[in-house]
Structure formats: C-alpha cells, structure tokens
Amino acid sequence: MRESGARYQILLADEFTVLTYDRRGNSRSPRPADWTSTSVDQQATDAAELLMSLNLAPALVYGSSSGAIFANHEGYSRGRRG
C-alpha cells in the first residue's frame, strides 16, 4: 500500500476492519498464465468477490487513483442490479 493509504489504514484500524490487497496482475499479485489484459468490470468484481469470500460485505470501500474507479464502478453496477 502506498504511503497515503497506509495513513488511512492506521487511523481506521482501531474501529474498523481494514483490508488492503494487490489487484490481479499488479504489484505482488501474479498474473494468471493466460491473462493478457483486464477491465474495470473485472477488477471491480474481483474486489467484491474478495469482500464476500472474507464475509466482509457489505462494506464501505475506499480507493484512490484507479482503485477509486473500480470501487465506484462496483457500487454503481450493484445499484443497477439491485
């Protein structure tokens, strides 16, 4: 996690469960063997599925930079799906 995100993690950890992760194919997360590209939908779905698999959904999600795009996309998509 970048320095700015680490500050938020420290501030929130006393009262909330804070989860950070490396997106598919980024940083310490390996790329699947047959994986060549990704989409906003795939990255947003990955995050939602991670939260559900850890039994942390529903959740308040914060993202910066592209993470904000993925978080907003998932929230908007879920709202439309009902």
PDB file of N, CA and C in Angstrom:
ATOM      1  N   MET A   1       0.851  -1.174   0.000  1.00  0.00           N
ATOM      2  CA  MET A   1       0.000   0.000   0.000  1.00  0.00           C
ATOM      3  C   MET A   1       0.890   1.226   0.000  1.00  0.00           C
ATOM      4  N   ARG A   2       0.491   2.174  -0.759  1.00  0.00           N
ATOM      5  CA  ARG A   2       1.251   3.412  -0.820  1.00  0.00           C
ATOM      6  C   ARG A   2       1.153   4.150   0.508  1.00  0.00           C
ATOM      7  N   GLU A   3       2.079   5.064   0.713  1.00  0.00           N
ATOM      8  CA  GLU A   3       2.176   5.780   1.988  1.00  0.00           C
ATOM      9  C   GLU A   3       0.866   6.453   2.387  1.00  0.00           C
ATOM     10  N   SER A   4       0.191   7.128   1.459  1.00  0.00           N
ATOM     11  CA  SER A   4      -1.053   7.823   1.817  1.00  0.00           C
ATOM     12  C   SER A   4      -2.120   6.841   2.280  1.00  0.00           C
ATOM     13  N   GLY A   5      -2.225   5.684   1.644  1.00  0.00           N
ATOM     14  CA  GLY A   5      -3.179   4.672   2.059  1.00  0.00           C
ATOM     15  C   GLY A   5      -2.845   4.081   3.412  1.00  0.00           C
ATOM     16  N   ALA A   6      -1.560   3.938   3.681  1.00  0.00           N
ATOM     17  CA  ALA A   6      -1.130   3.397   4.975  1.00  0.00           C
ATOM     18  C   ALA A   6      -1.560   4.308   6.117  1.00  0.00           C
ATOM     19  N   ARG A   7      -1.554   5.603   5.897  1.00  0.00           N
ATOM     20  CA  ARG A   7      -2.010   6.536   6.948  1.00  0.00           C
ATOM     21  C   ARG A   7      -3.477   6.301   7.269  1.00  0.00           C
ATOM     22  N   TYR A   8      -4.297   6.128   6.231  1.00  0.00           N
ATOM     23  CA  TYR A   8      -5.720   5.868   6.468  1.00  0.00           C
ATOM     24  C   TYR A   8      -5.905   4.542   7.197  1.00  0.00           C
ATOM     25  N   GLN A   9      -5.141   3.553   6.812  1.00  0.00           N
ATOM     26  CA  GLN A   9      -5.243   2.243   7.447  1.00  0.00           C
ATOM     27  C   GLN A   9      -4.975   2.357   8.946  1.00  0.00           C
ATOM     28  N   ILE A  10      -3.946   3.071   9.321  1.00  0.00           N
ATOM     29  CA  ILE A  10      -3.598   3.245  10.734  1.00  0.00           C
ATOM     30  C   ILE A  10      -4.713   3.983  11.469  1.00  0.00           C
ATOM     31  N   LEU A  11      -5.250   5.034  10.856  1.00  0.00           N
ATOM     32  CA  LEU A  11      -6.303   5.824  11.505  1.00  0.00           C
ATOM     33  C   LEU A  11      -7.598   5.037  11.690  1.00  0.00           C
ATOM     34  N   LEU A  12      -7.910   4.151  10.780  1.00  0.00           N
ATOM     35  CA  LEU A  12      -9.188   3.440  10.818  1.00  0.00           C
ATOM     36  C   LEU A  12      -9.143   2.097  11.533  1.00  0.00           C
ATOM     37  N   ALA A  13      -7.974   1.525  11.677  1.00  0.00           N
ATOM     38  CA  ALA A  13      -7.851   0.142  12.149  1.00  0.00           C
ATOM     39  C   ALA A  13      -8.380  -0.084  13.563  1.00  0.00           C
ATOM     40  N   ASP A  14      -8.391   0.928  14.406  1.00  0.00           N
ATOM     41  CA  ASP A  14      -8.889   0.741  15.771  1.00  0.00           C
ATOM     42  C   ASP A  14     -10.400   0.507  15.813  1.00  0.00           C
ATOM     43  N   GLU A  15     -11.117   1.044  14.843  1.00  0.00           N
ATOM     44  CA  GLU A  15     -12.571   0.948  14.874  1.00  0.00           C
ATOM     45  C   GLU A  15     -13.186   0.124  13.747  1.00  0.00           C
ATOM     46  N   PHE A  16     -12.388  -0.180  12.720  1.00  0.00           N
ATOM     47  CA  PHE A  16     -12.926  -0.853  11.546  1.00  0.00           C
ATOM     48  C   PHE A  16     -11.999  -1.973  11.098  1.00  0.00           C
ATOM     49  N   THR A  17     -12.554  -2.917  10.364  1.00  0.00           N
ATOM     50  CA  THR A  17     -11.729  -3.905   9.684  1.00  0.00           C
ATOM     51  C   THR A  17     -11.203  -3.236   8.426  1.00  0.00           C
ATOM     52  N   VAL A  18      -9.899  -3.212   8.270  1.00  0.00           N
ATOM     53  CA  VAL A  18      -9.275  -2.576   7.113  1.00  0.00           C
ATOM     54  C   VAL A  18      -8.623  -3.667   6.270  1.00  0.00           C
ATOM     55  N   LEU A  19      -8.985  -3.705   5.014  1.00  0.00           N
ATOM     56  CA  LEU A  19      -8.458  -4.703   4.093  1.00  0.00           C
ATOM     57  C   LEU A  19      -7.736  -3.989   2.957  1.00  0.00           C
ATOM     58  N   THR A  20      -6.518  -4.380   2.712  1.00  0.00           N
ATOM     59  CA  THR A  20      -5.788  -3.891   1.547  1.00  0.00           C
ATOM     60  C   THR A  20      -5.342  -5.110   0.747  1.00  0.00           C
ATOM     61  N   TYR A  21      -5.246  -4.947  -0.547  1.00  0.00           N
ATOM     62  CA  TYR A  21      -4.823  -6.075  -1.373  1.00  0.00           C
ATOM     63  C   TYR A  21      -4.188  -5.547  -2.654  1.00  0.00           C
ATOM     64  N   ASP A  22      -3.451  -6.375  -3.303  1.00  0.00           N
ATOM     65  CA  ASP A  22      -2.876  -6.061  -4.601  1.00  0.00           C
ATOM     66  C   ASP A  22      -3.790  -6.615  -5.673  1.00  0.00           C
ATOM     67  N   ARG A  23      -4.208  -5.752  -6.576  1.00  0.00           N
ATOM     68  CA  ARG A  23      -5.112  -6.181  -7.642  1.00  0.00           C
ATOM     69  C   ARG A  23      -4.461  -7.229  -8.532  1.00  0.00           C
ATOM     70  N   ARG A  24      -5.285  -7.990  -9.183  1.00  0.00           N
ATOM     71  CA  ARG A  24      -4.842  -9.030 -10.114  1.00  0.00           C
ATOM     72  C   ARG A  24      -3.797  -8.472 -11.085  1.00  0.00           C
ATOM     73  N   GLY A  25      -2.643  -9.120 -11.129  1.00  0.00           N
ATOM     74  CA  GLY A  25      -1.600  -8.733 -12.063  1.00  0.00           C
ATOM     75  C   GLY A  25      -0.847  -7.469 -11.703  1.00  0.00           C
ATOM     76  N   ASN A  26      -1.021  -6.961 -10.495  1.00  0.00           N
ATOM     77  CA  ASN A  26      -0.351  -5.739 -10.063  1.00  0.00           C
ATOM     78  C   ASN A  26       0.461  -5.981  -8.805  1.00  0.00           C
ATOM     79  N   SER A  27       1.590  -5.328  -8.732  1.00  0.00           N
ATOM     80  CA  SER A  27       2.459  -5.372  -7.563  1.00  0.00           C
ATOM     81  C   SER A  27       2.828  -6.813  -7.218  1.00  0.00           C
ATOM     82  N   ARG A  28       2.415  -7.277  -6.045  1.00  0.00           N
ATOM     83  CA  ARG A  28       2.803  -8.623  -5.600  1.00  0.00           C
ATOM     84  C   ARG A  28       1.851  -9.721  -6.054  1.00  0.00           C
ATOM     85  N   SER A  29       0.746  -9.341  -6.707  1.00  0.00           N
ATOM     86  CA  SER A  29      -0.194 -10.345  -7.217  1.00  0.00           C
ATOM     87  C   SER A  29       0.280 -10.826  -8.584  1.00  0.00           C
ATOM     88  N   PRO A  30       0.487 -12.118  -8.714  1.00  0.00           N
ATOM     89  CA  PRO A  30       0.964 -12.620 -10.011  1.00  0.00           C
ATOM     90  C   PRO A  30      -0.126 -12.537 -11.078  1.00  0.00           C
ATOM     91  N   ARG A  31       0.309 -12.499 -12.311  1.00  0.00           N
ATOM     92  CA  ARG A  31      -0.629 -12.558 -13.429  1.00  0.00           C
ATOM     93  C   ARG A  31      -0.950 -14.016 -13.723  1.00  0.00           C
ATOM     94  N   PRO A  32      -2.222 -14.356 -13.875  1.00  0.00           N
ATOM     95  CA  PRO A  32      -2.562 -15.716 -14.290  1.00  0.00           C
ATOM     96  C   PRO A  32      -1.886 -16.022 -15.634  1.00  0.00           C
ATOM     97  N   ALA A  33      -1.570 -17.264 -15.872  1.00  0.00           N
ATOM     98  CA  ALA A  33      -0.800 -17.666 -17.048  1.00  0.00           C
ATOM     99  C   ALA A  33      -1.432 -17.200 -18.354  1.00  0.00           C
ATOM    100  N   ASP A  34      -2.737 -17.300 -18.488  1.00  0.00           N
ATOM    101  CA  ASP A  34      -3.382 -16.937 -19.746  1.00  0.00           C
ATOM    102  C   ASP A  34      -3.935 -15.515 -19.759  1.00  0.00           C
ATOM    103  N   TRP A  35      -3.565 -14.719 -18.803  1.00  0.00           N
ATOM    104  CA  TRP A  35      -4.108 -13.379 -18.627  1.00  0.00           C
ATOM    105  C   TRP A  35      -3.293 -12.362 -19.401  1.00  0.00           C
ATOM    106  N   THR A  36      -3.952 -11.588 -20.252  1.00  0.00           N
ATOM    107  CA  THR A  36      -3.241 -10.580 -21.041  1.00  0.00           C
ATOM    108  C   THR A  36      -3.734  -9.170 -20.777  1.00  0.00           C
ATOM    109  N   SER A  37      -4.967  -9.032 -20.324  1.00  0.00           N
ATOM    110  CA  SER A  37      -5.495  -7.703 -20.040  1.00  0.00           C
ATOM    111  C   SER A  37      -6.606  -7.810 -19.008  1.00  0.00           C
ATOM    112  N   THR A  38      -7.076  -6.670 -18.574  1.00  0.00           N
ATOM    113  CA  THR A  38      -8.144  -6.621 -17.584  1.00  0.00           C
ATOM    114  C   THR A  38      -9.123  -5.528 -17.971  1.00  0.00           C
ATOM    115  N   SER A  39     -10.187  -5.449 -17.237  1.00  0.00           N
ATOM    116  CA  SER A  39     -11.187  -4.404 -17.464  1.00  0.00           C
ATOM    117  C   SER A  39     -11.599  -3.822 -16.124  1.00  0.00           C
ATOM    118  N   VAL A  40     -12.240  -2.683 -16.173  1.00  0.00           N
ATOM    119  CA  VAL A  40     -12.768  -2.079 -14.949  1.00  0.00           C
ATOM    120  C   VAL A  40     -13.745  -3.045 -14.293  1.00  0.00           C
ATOM    121  N   ASP A  41     -14.609  -3.659 -15.083  1.00  0.00           N
ATOM    122  CA  ASP A  41     -15.597  -4.594 -14.537  1.00  0.00           C
ATOM    123  C   ASP A  41     -14.920  -5.775 -13.838  1.00  0.00           C
ATOM    124  N   GLN A  42     -13.892  -6.339 -14.458  1.00  0.00           N
ATOM    125  CA  GLN A  42     -13.190  -7.484 -13.859  1.00  0.00           C
ATOM    126  C   GLN A  42     -12.508  -7.088 -12.548  1.00  0.00           C
ATOM    127  N   GLN A  43     -11.858  -5.947 -12.515  1.00  0.00           N
ATOM    128  CA  GLN A  43     -11.186  -5.513 -11.296  1.00  0.00           C
ATOM    129  C   GLN A  43     -12.195  -5.216 -10.184  1.00  0.00           C
ATOM    130  N   ALA A  44     -13.312  -4.594 -10.535  1.00  0.00           N
ATOM    131  CA  ALA A  44     -14.351  -4.305  -9.544  1.00  0.00           C
ATOM    132  C   ALA A  44     -14.976  -5.588  -9.013  1.00  0.00           C
ATOM    133  N   THR A  45     -15.221  -6.537  -9.903  1.00  0.00           N
ATOM    134  CA  THR A  45     -15.783  -7.830  -9.500  1.00  0.00           C
ATOM    135  C   THR A  45     -14.813  -8.581  -8.599  1.00  0.00           C
ATOM    136  N   ASP A  46     -13.522  -8.550  -8.922  1.00  0.00           N
ATOM    137  CA  ASP A  46     -12.520  -9.196  -8.064  1.00  0.00           C
ATOM    138  C   ASP A  46     -12.597  -8.655  -6.641  1.00  0.00           C
ATOM    139  N   ALA A  47     -12.684  -7.338  -6.511  1.00  0.00           N
ATOM    140  CA  ALA A  47     -12.740  -6.719  -5.176  1.00  0.00           C
ATOM    141  C   ALA A  47     -14.002  -7.135  -4.431  1.00  0.00           C
ATOM    142  N   ALA A  48     -15.135  -7.115  -5.129  1.00  0.00           N
ATOM    143  CA  ALA A  48     -16.397  -7.510  -4.495  1.00  0.00           C
ATOM    144  C   ALA A  48     -16.370  -8.970  -4.063  1.00  0.00           C
ATOM    145  N   GLU A  49     -15.836  -9.827  -4.914  1.00  0.00           N
ATOM    146  CA  GLU A  49     -15.765 -11.251  -4.574  1.00  0.00           C
ATOM    147  C   GLU A  49     -14.819 -11.502  -3.402  1.00  0.00           C
ATOM    148  N   LEU A  50     -13.742 -10.731  -3.323  1.00  0.00           N
ATOM    149  CA  LEU A  50     -12.836 -10.854  -2.182  1.00  0.00           C
ATOM    150  C   LEU A  50     -13.555 -10.493  -0.891  1.00  0.00           C
ATOM    151  N   LEU A  51     -14.274  -9.380  -0.897  1.00  0.00           N
ATOM    152  CA  LEU A  51     -15.035  -8.983   0.295  1.00  0.00           C
ATOM    153  C   LEU A  51     -16.052 -10.039   0.692  1.00  0.00           C
ATOM    154  N   MET A  52     -16.764 -10.578  -0.285  1.00  0.00           N
ATOM    155  CA  MET A  52     -17.768 -11.604   0.015  1.00  0.00           C
ATOM    156  C   MET A  52     -17.119 -12.885   0.533  1.00  0.00           C
ATOM    157  N   SER A  53     -15.995 -13.281  -0.053  1.00  0.00           N
ATOM    158  CA  SER A  53     -15.347 -14.523   0.383  1.00  0.00           C
ATOM    159  C   SER A  53     -14.806 -14.412   1.802  1.00  0.00           C
ATOM    160  N   LEU A  54     -14.483 -13.209   2.219  1.00  0.00           N
ATOM    161  CA  LEU A  54     -13.994 -12.978   3.584  1.00  0.00           C
ATOM    162  C   LEU A  54     -15.126 -12.615   4.546  1.00  0.00           C
ATOM    163  N   ASN A  55     -16.355 -12.679   4.045  1.00  0.00           N
ATOM    164  CA  ASN A  55     -17.545 -12.342   4.832  1.00  0.00           C
ATOM    165  C   ASN A  55     -17.463 -10.915   5.381  1.00  0.00           C
ATOM    166  N   LEU A  56     -16.988  -9.997   4.551  1.00  0.00           N
ATOM    167  CA  LEU A  56     -16.870  -8.591   4.946  1.00  0.00           C
ATOM    168  C   LEU A  56     -17.881  -7.697   4.224  1.00  0.00           C
ATOM    169  N   ALA A  57     -18.743  -8.290   3.417  1.00  0.00           N
ATOM    170  CA  ALA A  57     -19.742  -7.499   2.703  1.00  0.00           C
ATOM    171  C   ALA A  57     -21.030  -7.464   3.513  1.00  0.00           C
ATOM    172  N   PRO A  58     -21.765  -6.376   3.494  1.00  0.00           N
ATOM    173  CA  PRO A  58     -21.493  -5.133   2.789  1.00  0.00           C
ATOM    174  C   PRO A  58     -20.355  -4.363   3.453  1.00  0.00           C
ATOM    175  N   ALA A  59     -19.748  -3.483   2.694  1.00  0.00           N
ATOM    176  CA  ALA A  59     -18.587  -2.748   3.190  1.00  0.00           C
ATOM    177  C   ALA A  59     -18.563  -1.344   2.607  1.00  0.00           C
ATOM    178  N   LEU A  60     -17.928  -0.457   3.327  1.00  0.00           N
ATOM    179  CA  LEU A  60     -17.606   0.862   2.814  1.00  0.00           C
ATOM    180  C   LEU A  60     -16.247   0.719   2.150  1.00  0.00           C
ATOM    181  N   VAL A  61     -16.146   1.099   0.895  1.00  0.00           N
ATOM    182  CA  VAL A  61     -14.925   0.876   0.130  1.00  0.00           C
ATOM    183  C   VAL A  61     -14.297   2.218  -0.218  1.00  0.00           C
ATOM    184  N   TYR A  62     -13.008   2.312   0.002  1.00  0.00           N
ATOM    185  CA  TYR A  62     -12.233   3.497  -0.361  1.00  0.00           C
ATOM    186  C   TYR A  62     -11.164   3.076  -1.352  1.00  0.00           C
ATOM    187  N   GLY A  63     -11.008   3.839  -2.388  1.00  0.00           N
ATOM    188  CA  GLY A  63      -9.951   3.583  -3.343  1.00  0.00           C
ATOM    189  C   GLY A  63      -9.384   4.897  -3.823  1.00  0.00           C
ATOM    190  N   SER A  64      -8.121   4.905  -4.148  1.00  0.00           N
ATOM    191  CA  SER A  64      -7.523   6.093  -4.745  1.00  0.00           C
ATOM    192  C   SER A  64      -7.002   5.729  -6.123  1.00  0.00           C
ATOM    193  N   SER A  65      -6.896   6.710  -6.966  1.00  0.00           N
ATOM    194  CA  SER A  65      -6.428   6.522  -8.330  1.00  0.00           C
ATOM    195  C   SER A  65      -7.330   5.509  -9.039  1.00  0.00           C
ATOM    196  N   SER A  66      -6.771   4.490  -9.652  1.00  0.00           N
ATOM    197  CA  SER A  66      -7.618   3.522 -10.360  1.00  0.00           C
ATOM    198  C   SER A  66      -8.495   2.742  -9.387  1.00  0.00           C
ATOM    199  N   GLY A  67      -8.070   2.574  -8.145  1.00  0.00           N
ATOM    200  CA  GLY A  67      -8.888   1.896  -7.148  1.00  0.00           C
ATOM    201  C   GLY A  67     -10.216   2.607  -6.917  1.00  0.00           C
ATOM    202  N   ALA A  68     -10.217   3.930  -7.020  1.00  0.00           N
ATOM    203  CA  ALA A  68     -11.464   4.683  -6.883  1.00  0.00           C
ATOM    204  C   ALA A  68     -12.402   4.400  -8.051  1.00  0.00           C
ATOM    205  N   ILE A  69     -11.830   4.256  -9.238  1.00  0.00           N
ATOM    206  CA  ILE A  69     -12.641   3.934 -10.409  1.00  0.00           C
ATOM    207  C   ILE A  69     -13.299   2.570 -10.226  1.00  0.00           C
ATOM    208  N   PHE A  70     -12.529   1.586  -9.762  1.00  0.00           N
ATOM    209  CA  PHE A  70     -13.070   0.239  -9.576  1.00  0.00           C
ATOM    210  C   PHE A  70     -14.132   0.223  -8.486  1.00  0.00           C
ATOM    211  N   ALA A  71     -13.889   0.936  -7.388  1.00  0.00           N
ATOM    212  CA  ALA A  71     -14.860   0.983  -6.287  1.00  0.00           C
ATOM    213  C   ALA A  71     -16.161   1.636  -6.747  1.00  0.00           C
ATOM    214  N   ASN A  72     -16.059   2.748  -7.457  1.00  0.00           N
ATOM    215  CA  ASN A  72     -17.260   3.421  -7.950  1.00  0.00           C
ATOM    216  C   ASN A  72     -18.005   2.556  -8.959  1.00  0.00           C
ATOM    217  N   HIS A  73     -17.287   1.886  -9.814  1.00  0.00           N
ATOM    218  CA  HIS A  73     -17.920   1.022 -10.819  1.00  0.00           C
ATOM    219  C   HIS A  73     -18.721  -0.094 -10.144  1.00  0.00           C
ATOM    220  N   GLU A  74     -18.129  -0.726  -9.161  1.00  0.00           N
ATOM    221  CA  GLU A  74     -18.823  -1.829  -8.492  1.00  0.00           C
ATOM    222  C   GLU A  74     -20.059  -1.330  -7.758  1.00  0.00           C
ATOM    223  N   GLY A  75     -19.933  -0.199  -7.063  1.00  0.00           N
ATOM    224  CA  GLY A  75     -21.088   0.363  -6.363  1.00  0.00           C
ATOM    225  C   GLY A  75     -22.211   0.727  -7.318  1.00  0.00           C
ATOM    226  N   TYR A  76     -21.876   1.344  -8.430  1.00  0.00           N
ATOM    227  CA  TYR A  76     -22.869   1.711  -9.433  1.00  0.00           C
ATOM    228  C   TYR A  76     -23.493   0.457 -10.052  1.00  0.00           C
ATOM    229  N   SER A  77     -22.667  -0.517 -10.396  1.00  0.00           N
ATOM    230  CA  SER A  77     -23.177  -1.734 -11.021  1.00  0.00           C
ATOM    231  C   SER A  77     -24.099  -2.494 -10.080  1.00  0.00           C
ATOM    232  N   ARG A  78     -23.729  -2.596  -8.825  1.00  0.00           N
ATOM    233  CA  ARG A  78     -24.578  -3.293  -7.853  1.00  0.00           C
ATOM    234  C   ARG A  78     -25.897  -2.586  -7.676  1.00  0.00           C
ATOM    235  N   GLY A  79     -25.861  -1.264  -7.640  1.00  0.00           N
ATOM    236  CA  GLY A  79     -27.097  -0.480  -7.502  1.00  0.00           C
ATOM    237  C   GLY A  79     -28.045  -0.726  -8.664  1.00  0.00           C
ATOM    238  N   ARG A  80     -27.513  -0.873  -9.840  1.00  0.00           N
ATOM    239  CA  ARG A  80     -28.346  -1.131 -11.023  1.00  0.00           C
ATOM    240  C   ARG A  80     -28.878  -2.558 -11.025  1.00  0.00           C
ATOM    241  N   ARG A  81     -28.110  -3.508 -10.456  1.00  0.00           N
ATOM    242  CA  ARG A  81     -28.543  -4.904 -10.442  1.00  0.00           C
ATOM    243  C   ARG A  81     -29.556  -5.172  -9.339  1.00  0.00           C
ATOM    244  N   GLY A  82     -29.542  -4.308  -8.303  1.00  0.00           N
ATOM    245  CA  GLY A  82     -30.491  -4.474  -7.227  1.00  0.00           C
ATOM    246  C   GLY A  82     -30.075  -5.325  -6.150  1.00  0.00           C
TER     247      GLY A  82
END
